[in-house]
Amino acid sequence: YLERESGKVLGSGSNLFSQLCESTSGDPVDFPKELVVENVAQIMAGRESSYFLYPNGSVESCGRNDEGQLGDGTFVDSNTPVKVDIPKNTDIRHLGSGPSSQSVFFVADEGLVYAAGQNYRFQLGIGEIGSEVFPVVVEFDVPYMFKINKISSSGTHTVAISCRTFTKTPTTMPTEFPTENPTEVP
């Protein structure tokens, strides 16, 4: 993918599963072409699907959906962008996947991580196997005041980076660091 300053997105290459959001499924795009999405904040291309994060925190996807990786609640491939079914009032700030793009992660502003797609080797980190067609919350064991910042996945495993969070005016203080049970600061 190439992104121009105007927020237009360009794409080229294989379009076998409409991963370029084109209805000409199967025909390759031999030169960079403007795609139907624009004004995006982040793009992510997998082997057979694509993801578009918008400045308002919403996400759309297109392409292959054999494992539910488009996150729209179906196993149906899409040649047009479909809305990823992220819970209401949740703003996504980072997309994460890997070369296969069959396991996809969405990192929210508050540090929550949602996952959809292939999960035959526990790579979604939800404690059970089986594909997820709707994004589900992934519970990470990180210390108090830390959150997941970046995440990446292959076809068999997932890695993530956590970082410490800071607030301008702390309202709680840990009794000992790290802890899961903060106490009020007078």
N, C-alpha and C. Protein backbone atom coordinates (compact mmCIF):
# COMPACT_ATOMS: atom_id res chain seq x y z
N TYR A 1 0.83 -1.19 0.00
CA TYR A 1 0.00 0.00 0.00
C TYR A 1 0.86 1.24 0.00
N LEU A 2 0.34 2.26 -0.62
CA LEU A 2 0.95 3.57 -0.60
C LEU A 2 -0.12 4.54 -0.14
N GLU A 3 0.26 5.49 0.70
CA GLU A 3 -0.72 6.47 1.16
C GLU A 3 -0.24 7.85 0.77
N ARG A 4 -1.11 8.62 0.16
CA ARG A 4 -0.77 9.98 -0.23
C ARG A 4 -1.13 10.93 0.89
N GLU A 5 -0.59 12.17 0.83
CA GLU A 5 -0.86 13.16 1.86
C GLU A 5 -2.34 13.45 2.02
N SER A 6 -3.11 13.35 0.97
CA SER A 6 -4.54 13.67 1.02
C SER A 6 -5.35 12.63 1.77
N GLY A 7 -4.75 11.53 2.15
CA GLY A 7 -5.47 10.47 2.82
C GLY A 7 -6.03 9.43 1.86
N LYS A 8 -5.75 9.58 0.58
CA LYS A 8 -6.16 8.58 -0.40
C LYS A 8 -5.22 7.38 -0.25
N VAL A 9 -5.75 6.21 -0.46
CA VAL A 9 -4.95 4.99 -0.34
C VAL A 9 -4.81 4.36 -1.72
N LEU A 10 -3.59 3.96 -2.05
CA LEU A 10 -3.30 3.31 -3.32
C LEU A 10 -2.90 1.87 -3.06
N GLY A 11 -3.20 1.00 -4.00
CA GLY A 11 -2.83 -0.40 -3.84
C GLY A 11 -2.47 -1.03 -5.16
N SER A 12 -1.67 -2.08 -5.09
CA SER A 12 -1.31 -2.86 -6.28
C SER A 12 -1.00 -4.28 -5.85
N GLY A 13 -0.98 -5.19 -6.82
CA GLY A 13 -0.63 -6.58 -6.55
C GLY A 13 -1.83 -7.50 -6.66
N SER A 14 -1.74 -8.62 -5.98
CA SER A 14 -2.78 -9.63 -6.03
C SER A 14 -4.10 -9.09 -5.51
N ASN A 15 -5.18 -9.48 -6.16
CA ASN A 15 -6.52 -9.13 -5.72
C ASN A 15 -7.40 -10.38 -5.75
N LEU A 16 -6.77 -11.53 -5.53
CA LEU A 16 -7.45 -12.82 -5.65
C LEU A 16 -8.70 -12.91 -4.78
N PHE A 17 -8.64 -12.34 -3.56
CA PHE A 17 -9.79 -12.37 -2.65
C PHE A 17 -10.36 -10.98 -2.42
N SER A 18 -10.16 -10.08 -3.38
CA SER A 18 -10.63 -8.69 -3.29
C SER A 18 -10.01 -7.95 -2.12
N GLN A 19 -8.78 -8.31 -1.77
CA GLN A 19 -8.10 -7.65 -0.66
C GLN A 19 -7.76 -6.19 -0.97
N LEU A 20 -7.91 -5.76 -2.22
CA LEU A 20 -7.73 -4.35 -2.58
C LEU A 20 -9.08 -3.63 -2.65
N CYS A 21 -10.11 -4.25 -2.09
CA CYS A 21 -11.47 -3.69 -2.05
C CYS A 21 -11.99 -3.39 -3.45
N GLU A 22 -11.62 -4.24 -4.40
CA GLU A 22 -12.05 -4.11 -5.79
C GLU A 22 -12.94 -5.27 -6.15
N SER A 23 -13.96 -5.02 -6.94
CA SER A 23 -14.87 -6.08 -7.34
C SER A 23 -14.28 -6.96 -8.43
N THR A 24 -13.09 -6.63 -8.91
CA THR A 24 -12.44 -7.43 -9.94
C THR A 24 -11.63 -8.55 -9.31
N SER A 25 -12.26 -9.29 -8.42
CA SER A 25 -11.60 -10.37 -7.70
C SER A 25 -10.89 -11.32 -8.66
N GLY A 26 -9.66 -11.60 -8.36
CA GLY A 26 -8.87 -12.52 -9.18
C GLY A 26 -7.92 -11.82 -10.12
N ASP A 27 -8.29 -10.63 -10.56
CA ASP A 27 -7.42 -9.89 -11.47
C ASP A 27 -6.40 -9.09 -10.67
N PRO A 28 -5.11 -9.26 -10.96
CA PRO A 28 -4.10 -8.46 -10.24
C PRO A 28 -4.17 -7.00 -10.68
N VAL A 29 -3.75 -6.12 -9.78
CA VAL A 29 -3.65 -4.70 -10.08
C VAL A 29 -2.16 -4.43 -10.31
N ASP A 30 -1.78 -4.19 -11.57
CA ASP A 30 -0.36 -4.16 -11.92
C ASP A 30 0.35 -2.83 -11.66
N PHE A 31 -0.38 -1.73 -11.50
CA PHE A 31 0.21 -0.45 -11.14
C PHE A 31 -0.58 0.12 -9.96
N PRO A 32 0.06 0.88 -9.07
CA PRO A 32 -0.69 1.45 -7.94
C PRO A 32 -1.94 2.19 -8.41
N LYS A 33 -3.05 1.86 -7.78
CA LYS A 33 -4.36 2.40 -8.14
C LYS A 33 -5.02 2.93 -6.89
N GLU A 34 -5.75 4.03 -7.02
CA GLU A 34 -6.48 4.59 -5.89
C GLU A 34 -7.59 3.63 -5.47
N LEU A 35 -7.65 3.33 -4.18
CA LEU A 35 -8.67 2.43 -3.65
C LEU A 35 -9.89 3.22 -3.18
N VAL A 36 -10.95 2.53 -2.81
CA VAL A 36 -12.21 3.18 -2.44
C VAL A 36 -12.19 3.77 -1.03
N VAL A 37 -11.13 3.59 -0.28
CA VAL A 37 -11.05 4.14 1.07
C VAL A 37 -10.19 5.40 1.04
N GLU A 38 -10.47 6.31 1.94
CA GLU A 38 -9.66 7.53 2.03
C GLU A 38 -9.71 8.08 3.45
N ASN A 39 -8.84 9.04 3.71
CA ASN A 39 -8.75 9.69 5.02
C ASN A 39 -8.52 8.67 6.14
N VAL A 40 -7.57 7.78 5.95
CA VAL A 40 -7.27 6.77 6.95
C VAL A 40 -6.06 7.19 7.79
N ALA A 41 -6.01 6.70 9.01
CA ALA A 41 -4.89 6.99 9.90
C ALA A 41 -3.83 5.90 9.84
N GLN A 42 -4.25 4.64 9.61
CA GLN A 42 -3.31 3.53 9.54
C GLN A 42 -3.87 2.48 8.59
N ILE A 43 -2.98 1.84 7.84
CA ILE A 43 -3.37 0.75 6.95
C ILE A 43 -2.59 -0.50 7.33
N MET A 44 -3.18 -1.65 7.07
CA MET A 44 -2.50 -2.91 7.34
C MET A 44 -2.92 -3.90 6.25
N ALA A 45 -1.94 -4.48 5.60
CA ALA A 45 -2.20 -5.47 4.55
C ALA A 45 -1.71 -6.82 5.00
N GLY A 46 -2.58 -7.80 4.90
CA GLY A 46 -2.20 -9.17 5.13
C GLY A 46 -2.11 -9.88 3.80
N ARG A 47 -1.95 -11.17 3.83
CA ARG A 47 -1.81 -11.93 2.60
C ARG A 47 -3.05 -11.82 1.72
N GLU A 48 -4.23 -11.87 2.32
CA GLU A 48 -5.45 -11.88 1.53
C GLU A 48 -6.56 -11.01 2.10
N SER A 49 -6.23 -10.07 2.98
CA SER A 49 -7.21 -9.13 3.50
C SER A 49 -6.51 -7.82 3.86
N SER A 50 -7.29 -6.76 3.96
CA SER A 50 -6.75 -5.43 4.25
C SER A 50 -7.59 -4.75 5.31
N TYR A 51 -6.96 -3.84 6.08
CA TYR A 51 -7.59 -3.17 7.20
C TYR A 51 -7.28 -1.69 7.15
N PHE A 52 -8.28 -0.88 7.52
CA PHE A 52 -8.16 0.57 7.44
C PHE A 52 -8.67 1.18 8.75
N LEU A 53 -7.76 1.85 9.46
CA LEU A 53 -8.09 2.52 10.72
C LEU A 53 -8.31 3.99 10.41
N TYR A 54 -9.44 4.52 10.82
CA TYR A 54 -9.79 5.92 10.55
C TYR A 54 -9.48 6.78 11.77
N PRO A 55 -9.29 8.10 11.56
CA PRO A 55 -8.96 8.99 12.68
C PRO A 55 -9.98 8.97 13.82
N ASN A 56 -11.23 8.61 13.55
CA ASN A 56 -12.25 8.56 14.61
C ASN A 56 -12.20 7.26 15.42
N GLY A 57 -11.24 6.37 15.12
CA GLY A 57 -11.08 5.12 15.86
C GLY A 57 -11.86 3.94 15.31
N SER A 58 -12.59 4.12 14.22
CA SER A 58 -13.32 3.01 13.62
C SER A 58 -12.42 2.28 12.63
N VAL A 59 -12.78 1.04 12.31
CA VAL A 59 -11.97 0.19 11.43
C VAL A 59 -12.87 -0.45 10.38
N GLU A 60 -12.35 -0.52 9.15
CA GLU A 60 -13.00 -1.27 8.08
C GLU A 60 -12.00 -2.27 7.52
N SER A 61 -12.54 -3.31 6.87
CA SER A 61 -11.68 -4.35 6.30
C SER A 61 -12.32 -4.87 5.01
N CYS A 62 -11.50 -5.53 4.19
CA CYS A 62 -12.01 -6.16 2.98
C CYS A 62 -11.11 -7.33 2.63
N GLY A 63 -11.61 -8.21 1.76
CA GLY A 63 -10.82 -9.35 1.30
C GLY A 63 -11.34 -10.67 1.83
N ARG A 64 -10.41 -11.59 2.01
CA ARG A 64 -10.74 -12.95 2.45
C ARG A 64 -11.19 -12.96 3.90
N ASN A 65 -12.17 -13.82 4.18
CA ASN A 65 -12.74 -13.89 5.53
C ASN A 65 -13.02 -15.33 5.93
N ASP A 66 -12.18 -16.27 5.48
CA ASP A 66 -12.42 -17.69 5.76
C ASP A 66 -12.29 -18.06 7.23
N GLU A 67 -11.61 -17.23 8.02
CA GLU A 67 -11.44 -17.50 9.46
C GLU A 67 -12.13 -16.44 10.31
N GLY A 68 -12.93 -15.57 9.69
CA GLY A 68 -13.58 -14.50 10.43
C GLY A 68 -12.69 -13.31 10.65
N GLN A 69 -11.54 -13.25 9.95
CA GLN A 69 -10.54 -12.22 10.19
C GLN A 69 -10.99 -10.80 9.83
N LEU A 70 -12.06 -10.64 9.07
CA LEU A 70 -12.54 -9.29 8.78
C LEU A 70 -13.25 -8.68 9.99
N GLY A 71 -13.63 -9.53 10.96
CA GLY A 71 -14.22 -9.04 12.20
C GLY A 71 -15.61 -8.46 12.05
N ASP A 72 -16.33 -8.86 11.01
CA ASP A 72 -17.67 -8.33 10.78
C ASP A 72 -18.78 -9.29 11.20
N GLY A 73 -18.43 -10.37 11.86
CA GLY A 73 -19.44 -11.33 12.33
C GLY A 73 -19.79 -12.41 11.34
N THR A 74 -19.06 -12.49 10.23
CA THR A 74 -19.37 -13.50 9.20
C THR A 74 -18.09 -14.22 8.78
N PHE A 75 -18.27 -15.21 7.92
CA PHE A 75 -17.16 -15.87 7.23
C PHE A 75 -17.21 -15.56 5.74
N VAL A 76 -17.86 -14.46 5.37
CA VAL A 76 -18.08 -14.09 3.97
C VAL A 76 -17.01 -13.12 3.51
N ASP A 77 -16.31 -13.47 2.40
CA ASP A 77 -15.34 -12.56 1.80
C ASP A 77 -16.05 -11.28 1.38
N SER A 78 -15.31 -10.15 1.33
CA SER A 78 -15.93 -8.89 0.94
C SER A 78 -15.05 -8.13 -0.04
N ASN A 79 -15.64 -7.70 -1.16
CA ASN A 79 -14.89 -6.89 -2.13
C ASN A 79 -15.10 -5.41 -1.92
N THR A 80 -15.83 -5.05 -0.87
CA THR A 80 -15.97 -3.65 -0.46
C THR A 80 -15.65 -3.58 1.03
N PRO A 81 -15.23 -2.42 1.51
CA PRO A 81 -14.91 -2.30 2.94
C PRO A 81 -16.13 -2.58 3.81
N VAL A 82 -15.95 -3.41 4.84
CA VAL A 82 -17.00 -3.69 5.82
C VAL A 82 -16.54 -3.18 7.18
N LYS A 83 -17.49 -2.75 7.99
CA LYS A 83 -17.17 -2.22 9.32
C LYS A 83 -16.79 -3.37 10.25
N VAL A 84 -15.65 -3.25 10.91
CA VAL A 84 -15.27 -4.22 11.93
C VAL A 84 -16.14 -3.95 13.15
N ASP A 85 -16.73 -5.00 13.70
CA ASP A 85 -17.71 -4.87 14.78
C ASP A 85 -17.03 -4.68 16.13
N ILE A 86 -16.46 -3.50 16.32
CA ILE A 86 -15.82 -3.12 17.59
C ILE A 86 -16.92 -2.62 18.53
N PRO A 87 -16.84 -2.93 19.83
CA PRO A 87 -17.87 -2.45 20.76
C PRO A 87 -18.06 -0.92 20.69
N LYS A 88 -19.31 -0.51 20.89
CA LYS A 88 -19.67 0.91 20.85
C LYS A 88 -18.82 1.72 21.82
N ASN A 89 -18.52 2.95 21.47
CA ASN A 89 -17.72 3.88 22.27
C ASN A 89 -16.30 3.39 22.53
N THR A 90 -15.77 2.56 21.63
CA THR A 90 -14.39 2.09 21.71
C THR A 90 -13.64 2.65 20.52
N ASP A 91 -12.57 3.38 20.79
CA ASP A 91 -11.74 3.93 19.73
C ASP A 91 -10.48 3.09 19.58
N ILE A 92 -10.27 2.57 18.40
CA ILE A 92 -9.06 1.79 18.11
C ILE A 92 -7.95 2.76 17.73
N ARG A 93 -6.73 2.50 18.22
CA ARG A 93 -5.60 3.37 17.90
C ARG A 93 -4.48 2.66 17.19
N HIS A 94 -4.54 1.32 17.12
CA HIS A 94 -3.46 0.58 16.46
C HIS A 94 -4.01 -0.74 15.93
N LEU A 95 -3.56 -1.13 14.74
CA LEU A 95 -3.91 -2.41 14.16
C LEU A 95 -2.71 -3.33 14.27
N GLY A 96 -2.94 -4.61 14.48
CA GLY A 96 -1.83 -5.56 14.57
C GLY A 96 -2.17 -6.87 13.92
N SER A 97 -1.24 -7.38 13.14
CA SER A 97 -1.38 -8.68 12.51
C SER A 97 0.00 -9.10 12.05
N GLY A 98 0.03 -10.07 11.19
CA GLY A 98 1.29 -10.53 10.65
C GLY A 98 1.10 -10.94 9.21
N PRO A 99 2.05 -11.70 8.67
CA PRO A 99 2.02 -12.05 7.26
C PRO A 99 0.76 -12.80 6.83
N SER A 100 0.22 -13.64 7.68
CA SER A 100 -0.95 -14.42 7.26
C SER A 100 -2.22 -13.59 7.34
N SER A 101 -2.28 -12.64 8.26
CA SER A 101 -3.44 -11.78 8.47
C SER A 101 -4.72 -12.56 8.72
N GLN A 102 -4.60 -13.79 9.19
CA GLN A 102 -5.80 -14.55 9.54
C GLN A 102 -6.12 -14.42 11.02
N SER A 103 -5.19 -13.86 11.80
CA SER A 103 -5.42 -13.51 13.19
C SER A 103 -5.13 -12.01 13.27
N VAL A 104 -6.13 -11.23 13.65
CA VAL A 104 -6.02 -9.79 13.59
C VAL A 104 -6.32 -9.20 14.96
N PHE A 105 -5.58 -8.13 15.32
CA PHE A 105 -5.71 -7.49 16.63
C PHE A 105 -5.99 -6.01 16.47
N PHE A 106 -6.82 -5.49 17.38
CA PHE A 106 -7.20 -4.10 17.39
C PHE A 106 -6.92 -3.56 18.79
N VAL A 107 -5.99 -2.60 18.92
CA VAL A 107 -5.62 -2.04 20.22
C VAL A 107 -6.42 -0.75 20.42
N ALA A 108 -7.19 -0.70 21.52
CA ALA A 108 -8.04 0.44 21.81
C ALA A 108 -7.29 1.50 22.62
N ASP A 109 -7.84 2.72 22.64
CA ASP A 109 -7.25 3.83 23.37
C ASP A 109 -6.94 3.48 24.81
N GLU A 110 -7.87 2.80 25.48
CA GLU A 110 -7.68 2.50 26.89
C GLU A 110 -6.76 1.32 27.14
N GLY A 111 -6.13 0.78 26.07
CA GLY A 111 -5.19 -0.32 26.21
C GLY A 111 -5.81 -1.69 26.08
N LEU A 112 -7.13 -1.76 25.94
CA LEU A 112 -7.76 -3.05 25.71
C LEU A 112 -7.38 -3.55 24.33
N VAL A 113 -7.28 -4.87 24.19
CA VAL A 113 -6.96 -5.46 22.91
C VAL A 113 -8.12 -6.37 22.51
N TYR A 114 -8.55 -6.23 21.27
CA TYR A 114 -9.59 -7.08 20.69
C TYR A 114 -8.96 -7.92 19.60
N ALA A 115 -9.44 -9.14 19.42
CA ALA A 115 -8.89 -10.05 18.42
C ALA A 115 -10.00 -10.74 17.66
N ALA A 116 -9.72 -11.04 16.38
CA ALA A 116 -10.67 -11.79 15.55
C ALA A 116 -9.88 -12.68 14.61
N GLY A 117 -10.54 -13.71 14.11
CA GLY A 117 -9.92 -14.56 13.10
C GLY A 117 -9.47 -15.90 13.61
N GLN A 118 -8.46 -16.43 12.93
CA GLN A 118 -7.96 -17.78 13.19
C GLN A 118 -7.38 -17.93 14.59
N ASN A 119 -7.71 -19.07 15.21
CA ASN A 119 -7.26 -19.30 16.58
C ASN A 119 -7.11 -20.79 16.84
N TYR A 120 -6.39 -21.49 15.98
CA TYR A 120 -6.23 -22.94 16.14
C TYR A 120 -5.03 -23.32 16.99
N ARG A 121 -4.18 -22.35 17.30
CA ARG A 121 -3.00 -22.61 18.15
C ARG A 121 -2.96 -21.64 19.32
N PHE A 122 -4.13 -21.18 19.75
CA PHE A 122 -4.26 -20.25 20.87
C PHE A 122 -3.63 -18.89 20.57
N GLN A 123 -3.38 -18.56 19.29
CA GLN A 123 -2.69 -17.32 18.97
C GLN A 123 -3.49 -16.06 19.30
N LEU A 124 -4.82 -16.17 19.47
CA LEU A 124 -5.59 -15.00 19.90
C LEU A 124 -5.43 -14.74 21.40
N GLY A 125 -4.96 -15.74 22.14
CA GLY A 125 -4.72 -15.55 23.57
C GLY A 125 -5.98 -15.46 24.41
N ILE A 126 -7.04 -16.16 24.00
CA ILE A 126 -8.30 -16.09 24.74
C ILE A 126 -8.59 -17.34 25.55
N GLY A 127 -7.63 -18.27 25.61
CA GLY A 127 -7.77 -19.46 26.46
C GLY A 127 -8.52 -20.62 25.85
N GLU A 128 -8.97 -20.48 24.62
CA GLU A 128 -9.66 -21.58 23.93
C GLU A 128 -9.36 -21.47 22.44
N ILE A 129 -9.61 -22.56 21.72
CA ILE A 129 -9.34 -22.55 20.29
C ILE A 129 -10.63 -22.37 19.50
N GLY A 130 -10.49 -22.03 18.22
CA GLY A 130 -11.63 -21.82 17.34
C GLY A 130 -11.65 -20.40 16.83
N SER A 131 -12.03 -20.25 15.58
CA SER A 131 -12.07 -18.93 14.96
C SER A 131 -13.10 -18.02 15.63
N GLU A 132 -12.81 -16.74 15.65
CA GLU A 132 -13.70 -15.72 16.22
C GLU A 132 -14.09 -14.75 15.11
N VAL A 133 -15.38 -14.64 14.80
CA VAL A 133 -15.85 -13.76 13.74
C VAL A 133 -16.15 -12.35 14.24
N PHE A 134 -16.36 -12.20 15.55
CA PHE A 134 -16.51 -10.90 16.18
C PHE A 134 -15.27 -10.64 17.01
N PRO A 135 -14.76 -9.41 17.06
CA PRO A 135 -13.61 -9.13 17.93
C PRO A 135 -13.94 -9.41 19.39
N VAL A 136 -13.06 -10.16 20.05
CA VAL A 136 -13.21 -10.50 21.46
C VAL A 136 -12.06 -9.89 22.25
N VAL A 137 -12.30 -9.61 23.52
CA VAL A 137 -11.27 -9.00 24.38
C VAL A 137 -10.21 -10.04 24.72
N VAL A 138 -8.95 -9.63 24.62
CA VAL A 138 -7.82 -10.46 25.01
C VAL A 138 -7.32 -9.94 26.36
N GLU A 139 -7.25 -10.81 27.35
CA GLU A 139 -6.79 -10.43 28.69
C GLU A 139 -5.27 -10.59 28.77
N PHE A 140 -4.55 -9.49 28.90
CA PHE A 140 -3.10 -9.54 29.06
C PHE A 140 -2.75 -9.36 30.52
N ASP A 141 -1.79 -10.13 31.00
CA ASP A 141 -1.34 -10.04 32.38
C ASP A 141 -0.21 -9.02 32.44
N VAL A 142 -0.60 -7.74 32.53
CA VAL A 142 0.38 -6.66 32.64
C VAL A 142 0.18 -5.95 33.97
N PRO A 143 1.26 -5.41 34.54
CA PRO A 143 1.14 -4.73 35.84
C PRO A 143 0.20 -3.53 35.78
N TYR A 144 -0.29 -3.15 36.95
CA TYR A 144 -1.10 -1.95 37.10
C TYR A 144 -0.37 -0.76 36.46
N MET A 145 -1.08 0.09 35.77
CA MET A 145 -0.58 1.28 35.09
C MET A 145 0.23 0.95 33.83
N PHE A 146 0.11 -0.26 33.32
CA PHE A 146 0.71 -0.63 32.04
C PHE A 146 -0.41 -1.00 31.09
N LYS A 147 -0.16 -0.85 29.79
CA LYS A 147 -1.14 -1.28 28.80
C LYS A 147 -0.39 -1.76 27.55
N ILE A 148 -1.10 -2.49 26.71
CA ILE A 148 -0.52 -2.97 25.47
C ILE A 148 -0.44 -1.80 24.50
N ASN A 149 0.71 -1.66 23.88
CA ASN A 149 0.96 -0.55 22.97
C ASN A 149 0.97 -1.01 21.51
N LYS A 150 1.65 -2.10 21.22
CA LYS A 150 1.77 -2.66 19.87
C LYS A 150 1.62 -4.17 19.95
N ILE A 151 1.13 -4.76 18.83
CA ILE A 151 0.94 -6.20 18.81
C ILE A 151 1.13 -6.71 17.38
N SER A 152 1.65 -7.93 17.26
CA SER A 152 1.87 -8.54 15.95
C SER A 152 1.62 -10.03 16.07
N SER A 153 1.20 -10.64 14.97
CA SER A 153 0.85 -12.05 14.99
C SER A 153 1.33 -12.75 13.73
N SER A 154 1.68 -14.02 13.87
CA SER A 154 1.96 -14.86 12.71
C SER A 154 0.80 -15.83 12.58
N GLY A 155 0.95 -16.85 11.81
CA GLY A 155 -0.10 -17.85 11.72
C GLY A 155 -0.19 -18.74 12.94
N THR A 156 0.83 -18.68 13.85
CA THR A 156 0.85 -19.60 14.98
C THR A 156 1.05 -18.95 16.34
N HIS A 157 1.49 -17.70 16.40
CA HIS A 157 1.75 -17.08 17.70
C HIS A 157 1.59 -15.56 17.61
N THR A 158 1.60 -14.93 18.79
CA THR A 158 1.41 -13.48 18.89
C THR A 158 2.41 -12.92 19.88
N VAL A 159 2.92 -11.72 19.60
CA VAL A 159 3.78 -11.00 20.54
C VAL A 159 3.23 -9.58 20.69
N ALA A 160 3.44 -9.01 21.88
CA ALA A 160 2.93 -7.66 22.15
C ALA A 160 3.93 -6.89 22.99
N ILE A 161 3.89 -5.58 22.89
CA ILE A 161 4.72 -4.69 23.70
C ILE A 161 3.80 -3.95 24.66
N SER A 162 4.16 -3.97 25.95
CA SER A 162 3.40 -3.17 26.91
C SER A 162 4.22 -1.95 27.28
N CYS A 163 3.54 -0.89 27.69
CA CYS A 163 4.24 0.32 28.12
C CYS A 163 3.52 0.89 29.33
N ARG A 164 4.24 1.68 30.07
CA ARG A 164 3.66 2.30 31.26
C ARG A 164 2.80 3.47 30.83
N THR A 165 1.67 3.63 31.48
CA THR A 165 0.78 4.75 31.17
C THR A 165 0.94 5.81 32.23
N PHE A 166 0.80 7.04 31.83
CA PHE A 166 0.90 8.17 32.74
C PHE A 166 -0.34 9.03 32.59
N THR A 167 -0.80 9.58 33.70
CA THR A 167 -1.91 10.51 33.65
C THR A 167 -1.43 11.85 34.17
N LYS A 168 -2.07 12.93 33.74
CA LYS A 168 -1.68 14.27 34.18
C LYS A 168 -1.97 14.47 35.66
N THR A 169 -3.11 13.96 36.10
CA THR A 169 -3.50 14.10 37.50
C THR A 169 -3.86 12.73 38.03
N PRO A 170 -2.92 12.04 38.70
CA PRO A 170 -3.26 10.71 39.19
C PRO A 170 -4.33 10.78 40.27
N THR A 171 -5.29 9.89 40.15
CA THR A 171 -6.35 9.83 41.16
C THR A 171 -6.19 8.62 42.06
N THR A 172 -5.34 7.69 41.65
CA THR A 172 -5.11 6.51 42.47
C THR A 172 -3.62 6.24 42.54
N MET A 173 -3.21 5.56 43.56
CA MET A 173 -1.82 5.23 43.76
C MET A 173 -1.74 3.77 44.20
N PRO A 174 -0.84 2.99 43.64
CA PRO A 174 -0.76 1.60 44.09
C PRO A 174 -0.26 1.50 45.52
N THR A 175 -0.74 0.49 46.28
CA THR A 175 -0.27 0.28 47.65
C THR A 175 1.17 -0.22 47.63
N GLU A 176 1.52 -1.03 46.68
CA GLU A 176 2.90 -1.38 46.39
C GLU A 176 2.97 -1.64 44.90
N PHE A 177 4.05 -1.33 44.28
CA PHE A 177 4.12 -1.44 42.82
C PHE A 177 4.78 -2.72 42.40
N PRO A 178 4.29 -3.50 41.48
CA PRO A 178 2.97 -3.38 40.85
C PRO A 178 1.88 -4.02 41.71
N THR A 179 0.66 -3.53 41.56
CA THR A 179 -0.47 -4.11 42.26
C THR A 179 -1.72 -3.98 41.41
N GLU A 180 -2.67 -4.77 41.68
CA GLU A 180 -3.96 -4.71 40.99
C GLU A 180 -4.98 -3.96 41.83
N ASN A 181 -4.63 -3.60 43.09
CA ASN A 181 -5.57 -2.97 44.01
C ASN A 181 -5.08 -1.59 44.43
N PRO A 182 -5.40 -0.54 43.67
CA PRO A 182 -4.94 0.80 44.04
C PRO A 182 -5.69 1.32 45.26
N THR A 183 -5.09 2.27 45.96
CA THR A 183 -5.75 2.93 47.08
C THR A 183 -5.89 4.40 46.73
N GLU A 184 -6.86 5.06 47.35
CA GLU A 184 -7.12 6.48 47.09
C GLU A 184 -5.97 7.34 47.61
N VAL A 185 -5.66 8.39 46.89
CA VAL A 185 -4.67 9.36 47.32
C VAL A 185 -5.43 10.50 47.98
N PRO A 186 -5.03 10.92 49.20
CA PRO A 186 -5.79 12.00 49.88
C PRO A 186 -5.65 13.31 49.14
